[in-house]
Every structure is written in structure tokens, then in C-alpha cells.
Amino acid sequence: MDRVQVVSTSLVGVGYDEQTATLEVEFISGNVFQYGVPAEVHADLMAASSIGGFFNSSIRNAGYQFARMS
């Protein structure tokens, strides 16, 4: 999955696959996780004034299914 670079103190890149509703995030640590989220959540993440803050409150802590990729 292709990722775009983001301006964040915790995330480096974000990708999204609309067919599988899969959000992929790469952290500054190099860890990559995939989350099952609707397209609206991805759009809201990319539009957020704080991408890391939105990720933590609306994705990580929201109970979405996830898998660690690396």
C-alpha cells in the first residue's frame, strides 16, 4: 500500500485502501500497523489539525480492529 508523508510528531506516513477499508500507519519508530476503518475516518484523519491527536482519540482508542505489520 502506498503511503503519503504526514506532518506529525508520532506518524511518518498514512495509506488507505478503499476496497478493503484498510488504513495503514507508519510511526516514527518504524512500526507499521493496519486498522479497519471507514473511508470517512481516513478523510477526517487527513484533514485533522493534529494527525497524531486524531489518530489516538478517534482510531487507536476507538476500538477498531488492527494488526501489526512490522
PDB file of N, CA and C in Angstrom:
ATOM      1  N   MET A   1       0.853  -1.175   0.000  1.00  0.00           N
ATOM      2  CA  MET A   1       0.000   0.000   0.000  1.00  0.00           C
ATOM      3  C   MET A   1       0.896   1.235   0.000  1.00  0.00           C
ATOM      4  N   ASP A   2       0.568   2.175  -0.855  1.00  0.00           N
ATOM      5  CA  ASP A   2       1.319   3.422  -0.900  1.00  0.00           C
ATOM      6  C   ASP A   2       0.908   4.299   0.271  1.00  0.00           C
ATOM      7  N   ARG A   3       1.892   4.970   0.845  1.00  0.00           N
ATOM      8  CA  ARG A   3       1.632   5.897   1.941  1.00  0.00           C
ATOM      9  C   ARG A   3       2.063   7.290   1.545  1.00  0.00           C
ATOM     10  N   VAL A   4       1.371   8.277   2.079  1.00  0.00           N
ATOM     11  CA  VAL A   4       1.780   9.666   1.904  1.00  0.00           C
ATOM     12  C   VAL A   4       2.420  10.126   3.204  1.00  0.00           C
ATOM     13  N   GLN A   5       3.444  10.962   3.081  1.00  0.00           N
ATOM     14  CA  GLN A   5       4.077  11.512   4.271  1.00  0.00           C
ATOM     15  C   GLN A   5       3.139  12.506   4.924  1.00  0.00           C
ATOM     16  N   VAL A   6       3.172  12.515   6.265  1.00  0.00           N
ATOM     17  CA  VAL A   6       2.336  13.443   7.019  1.00  0.00           C
ATOM     18  C   VAL A   6       3.207  14.228   7.987  1.00  0.00           C
ATOM     19  N   VAL A   7       2.711  15.394   8.378  1.00  0.00           N
ATOM     20  CA  VAL A   7       3.393  16.210   9.370  1.00  0.00           C
ATOM     21  C   VAL A   7       2.814  15.856  10.730  1.00  0.00           C
ATOM     22  N   SER A   8       3.605  15.166  11.538  1.00  0.00           N
ATOM     23  CA  SER A   8       3.152  14.691  12.832  1.00  0.00           C
ATOM     24  C   SER A   8       4.369  14.378  13.692  1.00  0.00           C
ATOM     25  N   THR A   9       4.208  14.482  14.993  1.00  0.00           N
ATOM     26  CA  THR A   9       5.303  14.112  15.887  1.00  0.00           C
ATOM     27  C   THR A   9       5.326  12.618  16.176  1.00  0.00           C
ATOM     28  N   SER A  10       4.287  11.896  15.761  1.00  0.00           N
ATOM     29  CA  SER A  10       4.245  10.459  16.028  1.00  0.00           C
ATOM     30  C   SER A  10       4.138   9.594  14.778  1.00  0.00           C
ATOM     31  N   LEU A  11       3.567  10.125  13.704  1.00  0.00           N
ATOM     32  CA  LEU A  11       3.381   9.353  12.481  1.00  0.00           C
ATOM     33  C   LEU A  11       4.250   9.892  11.352  1.00  0.00           C
ATOM     34  N   VAL A  12       4.723   8.979  10.511  1.00  0.00           N
ATOM     35  CA  VAL A  12       5.535   9.354   9.343  1.00  0.00           C
ATOM     36  C   VAL A  12       4.690   9.319   8.076  1.00  0.00           C
ATOM     37  N   GLY A  13       3.872   8.275   7.938  1.00  0.00           N
ATOM     38  CA  GLY A  13       3.102   8.099   6.717  1.00  0.00           C
ATOM     39  C   GLY A  13       1.767   7.445   6.968  1.00  0.00           C
ATOM     40  N   VAL A  14       0.825   7.717   6.054  1.00  0.00           N
ATOM     41  CA  VAL A  14      -0.526   7.169   6.138  1.00  0.00           C
ATOM     42  C   VAL A  14      -0.945   6.706   4.754  1.00  0.00           C
ATOM     43  N   GLY A  15      -1.515   5.507   4.674  1.00  0.00           N
ATOM     44  CA  GLY A  15      -2.066   4.992   3.433  1.00  0.00           C
ATOM     45  C   GLY A  15      -3.474   4.490   3.669  1.00  0.00           C
ATOM     46  N   TYR A  16      -4.251   4.384   2.595  1.00  0.00           N
ATOM     47  CA  TYR A  16      -5.618   3.877   2.729  1.00  0.00           C
ATOM     48  C   TYR A  16      -6.011   3.112   1.484  1.00  0.00           C
ATOM     49  N   ASP A  17      -6.619   1.947   1.695  1.00  0.00           N
ATOM     50  CA  ASP A  17      -7.148   1.129   0.603  1.00  0.00           C
ATOM     51  C   ASP A  17      -8.667   1.123   0.737  1.00  0.00           C
ATOM     52  N   GLU A  18      -9.348   1.808  -0.186  1.00  0.00           N
ATOM     53  CA  GLU A  18     -10.805   1.910  -0.102  1.00  0.00           C
ATOM     54  C   GLU A  18     -11.504   0.580  -0.309  1.00  0.00           C
ATOM     55  N   GLN A  19     -10.944  -0.296  -1.136  1.00  0.00           N
ATOM     56  CA  GLN A  19     -11.592  -1.590  -1.407  1.00  0.00           C
ATOM     57  C   GLN A  19     -11.676  -2.453  -0.161  1.00  0.00           C
ATOM     58  N   THR A  20     -10.653  -2.404   0.683  1.00  0.00           N
ATOM     59  CA  THR A  20     -10.647  -3.232   1.893  1.00  0.00           C
ATOM     60  C   THR A  20     -10.897  -2.421   3.159  1.00  0.00           C
ATOM     61  N   ALA A  21     -11.095  -1.113   3.016  1.00  0.00           N
ATOM     62  CA  ALA A  21     -11.287  -0.204   4.156  1.00  0.00           C
ATOM     63  C   ALA A  21     -10.159  -0.373   5.172  1.00  0.00           C
ATOM     64  N   THR A  22      -8.920  -0.377   4.646  1.00  0.00           N
ATOM     65  CA  THR A  22      -7.750  -0.580   5.493  1.00  0.00           C
ATOM     66  C   THR A  22      -6.899   0.677   5.529  1.00  0.00           C
ATOM     67  N   LEU A  23      -6.680   1.158   6.750  1.00  0.00           N
ATOM     68  CA  LEU A  23      -5.799   2.291   6.999  1.00  0.00           C
ATOM     69  C   LEU A  23      -4.453   1.747   7.448  1.00  0.00           C
ATOM     70  N   GLU A  24      -3.384   2.212   6.832  1.00  0.00           N
ATOM     71  CA  GLU A  24      -2.044   1.791   7.221  1.00  0.00           C
ATOM     72  C   GLU A  24      -1.296   3.011   7.727  1.00  0.00           C
ATOM     73  N   VAL A  25      -0.721   2.889   8.921  1.00  0.00           N
ATOM     74  CA  VAL A  25       0.032   3.990   9.504  1.00  0.00           C
ATOM     75  C   VAL A  25       1.440   3.525   9.839  1.00  0.00           C
ATOM     76  N   GLU A  26       2.398   4.393   9.541  1.00  0.00           N
ATOM     77  CA  GLU A  26       3.787   4.141   9.901  1.00  0.00           C
ATOM     78  C   GLU A  26       4.184   5.162  10.955  1.00  0.00           C
ATOM     79  N   PHE A  27       4.693   4.653  12.069  1.00  0.00           N
ATOM     80  CA  PHE A  27       5.101   5.509  13.167  1.00  0.00           C
ATOM     81  C   PHE A  27       6.566   5.912  13.012  1.00  0.00           C
ATOM     82  N   ILE A  28       6.954   6.948  13.702  1.00  0.00           N
ATOM     83  CA  ILE A  28       8.336   7.411  13.676  1.00  0.00           C
ATOM     84  C   ILE A  28       9.285   6.293  14.100  1.00  0.00           C
ATOM     85  N   SER A  29       8.822   5.408  14.961  1.00  0.00           N
ATOM     86  CA  SER A  29       9.634   4.273  15.428  1.00  0.00           C
ATOM     87  C   SER A  29       9.926   3.268  14.322  1.00  0.00           C
ATOM     88  N   GLY A  30       9.180   3.362  13.212  1.00  0.00           N
ATOM     89  CA  GLY A  30       9.318   2.406  12.122  1.00  0.00           C
ATOM     90  C   GLY A  30       8.251   1.327  12.138  1.00  0.00           C
ATOM     91  N   ASN A  31       7.493   1.219  13.221  1.00  0.00           N
ATOM     92  CA  ASN A  31       6.413   0.240  13.294  1.00  0.00           C
ATOM     93  C   ASN A  31       5.292   0.625  12.336  1.00  0.00           C
ATOM     94  N   VAL A  32       4.691  -0.395  11.706  1.00  0.00           N
ATOM     95  CA  VAL A  32       3.587  -0.192  10.770  1.00  0.00           C
ATOM     96  C   VAL A  32       2.403  -1.014  11.256  1.00  0.00           C
ATOM     97  N   PHE A  33       1.244  -0.367  11.320  1.00  0.00           N
ATOM     98  CA  PHE A  33       0.007  -1.028  11.735  1.00  0.00           C
ATOM     99  C   PHE A  33      -1.064  -0.783  10.676  1.00  0.00           C
ATOM    100  N   GLN A  34      -1.982  -1.743  10.564  1.00  0.00           N
ATOM    101  CA  GLN A  34      -3.145  -1.586   9.705  1.00  0.00           C
ATOM    102  C   GLN A  34      -4.395  -1.643  10.569  1.00  0.00           C
ATOM    103  N   TYR A  35      -5.327  -0.746  10.280  1.00  0.00           N
ATOM    104  CA  TYR A  35      -6.595  -0.644  11.008  1.00  0.00           C
ATOM    105  C   TYR A  35      -7.738  -0.726  10.016  1.00  0.00           C
ATOM    106  N   GLY A  36      -8.810  -1.399  10.404  1.00  0.00           N
ATOM    107  CA  GLY A  36     -10.017  -1.442   9.585  1.00  0.00           C
ATOM    108  C   GLY A  36     -10.895  -0.258   9.944  1.00  0.00           C
ATOM    109  N   VAL A  37     -10.920   0.762   9.093  1.00  0.00           N
ATOM    110  CA  VAL A  37     -11.718   1.967   9.363  1.00  0.00           C
ATOM    111  C   VAL A  37     -12.465   2.390   8.107  1.00  0.00           C
ATOM    112  N   PRO A  38     -13.626   3.028   8.271  1.00  0.00           N
ATOM    113  CA  PRO A  38     -14.356   3.534   7.108  1.00  0.00           C
ATOM    114  C   PRO A  38     -13.598   4.675   6.427  1.00  0.00           C
ATOM    115  N   ALA A  39     -13.930   4.923   5.177  1.00  0.00           N
ATOM    116  CA  ALA A  39     -13.276   5.971   4.394  1.00  0.00           C
ATOM    117  C   ALA A  39     -13.428   7.344   5.047  1.00  0.00           C
ATOM    118  N   GLU A  40     -14.560   7.591   5.719  1.00  0.00           N
ATOM    119  CA  GLU A  40     -14.776   8.893   6.359  1.00  0.00           C
ATOM    120  C   GLU A  40     -13.753   9.142   7.464  1.00  0.00           C
ATOM    121  N   VAL A  41     -13.390   8.086   8.186  1.00  0.00           N
ATOM    122  CA  VAL A  41     -12.407   8.228   9.264  1.00  0.00           C
ATOM    123  C   VAL A  41     -11.043   8.573   8.672  1.00  0.00           C
ATOM    124  N   HIS A  42     -10.688   7.928   7.569  1.00  0.00           N
ATOM    125  CA  HIS A  42      -9.428   8.259   6.901  1.00  0.00           C
ATOM    126  C   HIS A  42      -9.445   9.711   6.443  1.00  0.00           C
ATOM    127  N   ALA A  43     -10.527  10.152   5.837  1.00  0.00           N
ATOM    128  CA  ALA A  43     -10.628  11.540   5.367  1.00  0.00           C
ATOM    129  C   ALA A  43     -10.519  12.518   6.535  1.00  0.00           C
ATOM    130  N   ASP A  44     -11.176  12.207   7.632  1.00  0.00           N
ATOM    131  CA  ASP A  44     -11.108  13.076   8.811  1.00  0.00           C
ATOM    132  C   ASP A  44      -9.695  13.108   9.386  1.00  0.00           C
ATOM    133  N   LEU A  45      -9.016  11.972   9.377  1.00  0.00           N
ATOM    134  CA  LEU A  45      -7.625  11.915   9.847  1.00  0.00           C
ATOM    135  C   LEU A  45      -6.746  12.837   9.021  1.00  0.00           C
ATOM    136  N   MET A  46      -6.869  12.745   7.717  1.00  0.00           N
ATOM    137  CA  MET A  46      -6.013  13.531   6.832  1.00  0.00           C
ATOM    138  C   MET A  46      -6.329  15.029   6.912  1.00  0.00           C
ATOM    139  N   ALA A  47      -7.544  15.386   7.318  1.00  0.00           N
ATOM    140  CA  ALA A  47      -7.939  16.788   7.424  1.00  0.00           C
ATOM    141  C   ALA A  47      -7.716  17.364   8.823  1.00  0.00           C
ATOM    142  N   ALA A  48      -7.345  16.522   9.763  1.00  0.00           N
ATOM    143  CA  ALA A  48      -7.216  16.959  11.160  1.00  0.00           C
ATOM    144  C   ALA A  48      -6.056  17.936  11.330  1.00  0.00           C
ATOM    145  N   SER A  49      -6.238  18.893  12.225  1.00  0.00           N
ATOM    146  CA  SER A  49      -5.155  19.840  12.515  1.00  0.00           C
ATOM    147  C   SER A  49      -4.027  19.147  13.262  1.00  0.00           C
ATOM    148  N   SER A  50      -4.354  18.098  14.025  1.00  0.00           N
ATOM    149  CA  SER A  50      -3.346  17.273  14.692  1.00  0.00           C
ATOM    150  C   SER A  50      -3.586  15.824  14.290  1.00  0.00           C
ATOM    151  N   ILE A  51      -2.799  15.339  13.343  1.00  0.00           N
ATOM    152  CA  ILE A  51      -2.987  13.974  12.847  1.00  0.00           C
ATOM    153  C   ILE A  51      -2.748  12.960  13.959  1.00  0.00           C
ATOM    154  N   GLY A  52      -1.692  13.158  14.739  1.00  0.00           N
ATOM    155  CA  GLY A  52      -1.407  12.236  15.839  1.00  0.00           C
ATOM    156  C   GLY A  52      -2.495  12.250  16.889  1.00  0.00           C
ATOM    157  N   GLY A  53      -2.984  13.423  17.233  1.00  0.00           N
ATOM    158  CA  GLY A  53      -4.062  13.532  18.218  1.00  0.00           C
ATOM    159  C   GLY A  53      -5.336  12.870  17.735  1.00  0.00           C
ATOM    160  N   PHE A  54      -5.691  13.111  16.469  1.00  0.00           N
ATOM    161  CA  PHE A  54      -6.888  12.484  15.906  1.00  0.00           C
ATOM    162  C   PHE A  54      -6.718  10.970  15.877  1.00  0.00           C
ATOM    163  N   PHE A  55      -5.532  10.511  15.454  1.00  0.00           N
ATOM    164  CA  PHE A  55      -5.289   9.076  15.408  1.00  0.00           C
ATOM    165  C   PHE A  55      -5.495   8.457  16.785  1.00  0.00           C
ATOM    166  N   ASN A  56      -4.901   9.056  17.804  1.00  0.00           N
ATOM    167  CA  ASN A  56      -5.012   8.496  19.157  1.00  0.00           C
ATOM    168  C   ASN A  56      -6.445   8.477  19.660  1.00  0.00           C
ATOM    169  N   SER A  57      -7.165   9.575  19.496  1.00  0.00           N
ATOM    170  CA  SER A  57      -8.507   9.655  20.066  1.00  0.00           C
ATOM    171  C   SER A  57      -9.576   8.952  19.237  1.00  0.00           C
ATOM    172  N   SER A  58      -9.455   8.998  17.917  1.00  0.00           N
ATOM    173  CA  SER A  58     -10.545   8.515  17.063  1.00  0.00           C
ATOM    174  C   SER A  58     -10.273   7.197  16.357  1.00  0.00           C
ATOM    175  N   ILE A  59      -9.046   6.686  16.458  1.00  0.00           N
ATOM    176  CA  ILE A  59      -8.735   5.405  15.815  1.00  0.00           C
ATOM    177  C   ILE A  59      -8.158   4.435  16.842  1.00  0.00           C
ATOM    178  N   ARG A  60      -6.998   4.761  17.383  1.00  0.00           N
ATOM    179  CA  ARG A  60      -6.328   3.856  18.332  1.00  0.00           C
ATOM    180  C   ARG A  60      -7.222   3.548  19.529  1.00  0.00           C
ATOM    181  N   ASN A  61      -7.815   4.571  20.119  1.00  0.00           N
ATOM    182  CA  ASN A  61      -8.619   4.378  21.324  1.00  0.00           C
ATOM    183  C   ASN A  61     -10.096   4.135  21.036  1.00  0.00           C
ATOM    184  N   ALA A  62     -10.454   3.990  19.764  1.00  0.00           N
ATOM    185  CA  ALA A  62     -11.859   3.817  19.389  1.00  0.00           C
ATOM    186  C   ALA A  62     -12.250   2.351  19.214  1.00  0.00           C
ATOM    187  N   GLY A  63     -11.293   1.440  19.348  1.00  0.00           N
ATOM    188  CA  GLY A  63     -11.619   0.021  19.302  1.00  0.00           C
ATOM    189  C   GLY A  63     -11.635  -0.614  17.927  1.00  0.00           C
ATOM    190  N   TYR A  64     -11.074   0.046  16.931  1.00  0.00           N
ATOM    191  CA  TYR A  64     -11.012  -0.564  15.604  1.00  0.00           C
ATOM    192  C   TYR A  64     -10.064  -1.765  15.621  1.00  0.00           C
ATOM    193  N   GLN A  65     -10.382  -2.764  14.803  1.00  0.00           N
ATOM    194  CA  GLN A  65      -9.510  -3.929  14.642  1.00  0.00           C
ATOM    195  C   GLN A  65      -8.187  -3.481  14.019  1.00  0.00           C
ATOM    196  N   PHE A  66      -7.084  -4.083  14.480  1.00  0.00           N
ATOM    197  CA  PHE A  66      -5.791  -3.705  13.922  1.00  0.00           C
ATOM    198  C   PHE A  66      -4.854  -4.898  13.910  1.00  0.00           C
ATOM    199  N   ALA A  67      -3.801  -4.755  13.109  1.00  0.00           N
ATOM    200  CA  ALA A  67      -2.751  -5.775  13.037  1.00  0.00           C
ATOM    201  C   ALA A  67      -1.420  -5.069  12.865  1.00  0.00           C
ATOM    202  N   ARG A  68      -0.417  -5.577  13.563  1.00  0.00           N
ATOM    203  CA  ARG A  68       0.928  -5.023  13.412  1.00  0.00           C
ATOM    204  C   ARG A  68       1.585  -5.688  12.191  1.00  0.00           C
ATOM    205  N   MET A  69       2.093  -4.855  11.295  1.00  0.00           N
ATOM    206  CA  MET A  69       2.698  -5.359  10.079  1.00  0.00           C
ATOM    207  C   MET A  69       4.218  -5.466  10.209  1.00  0.00           C
ATOM    208  N   SER A  70       4.823  -4.577  10.975  1.00  0.00           N
ATOM    209  CA  SER A  70       6.278  -4.629  11.212  1.00  0.00           C
ATOM    210  C   SER A  70       6.609  -3.860  12.461  1.00  0.00           C
TER     211      SER A  70
END
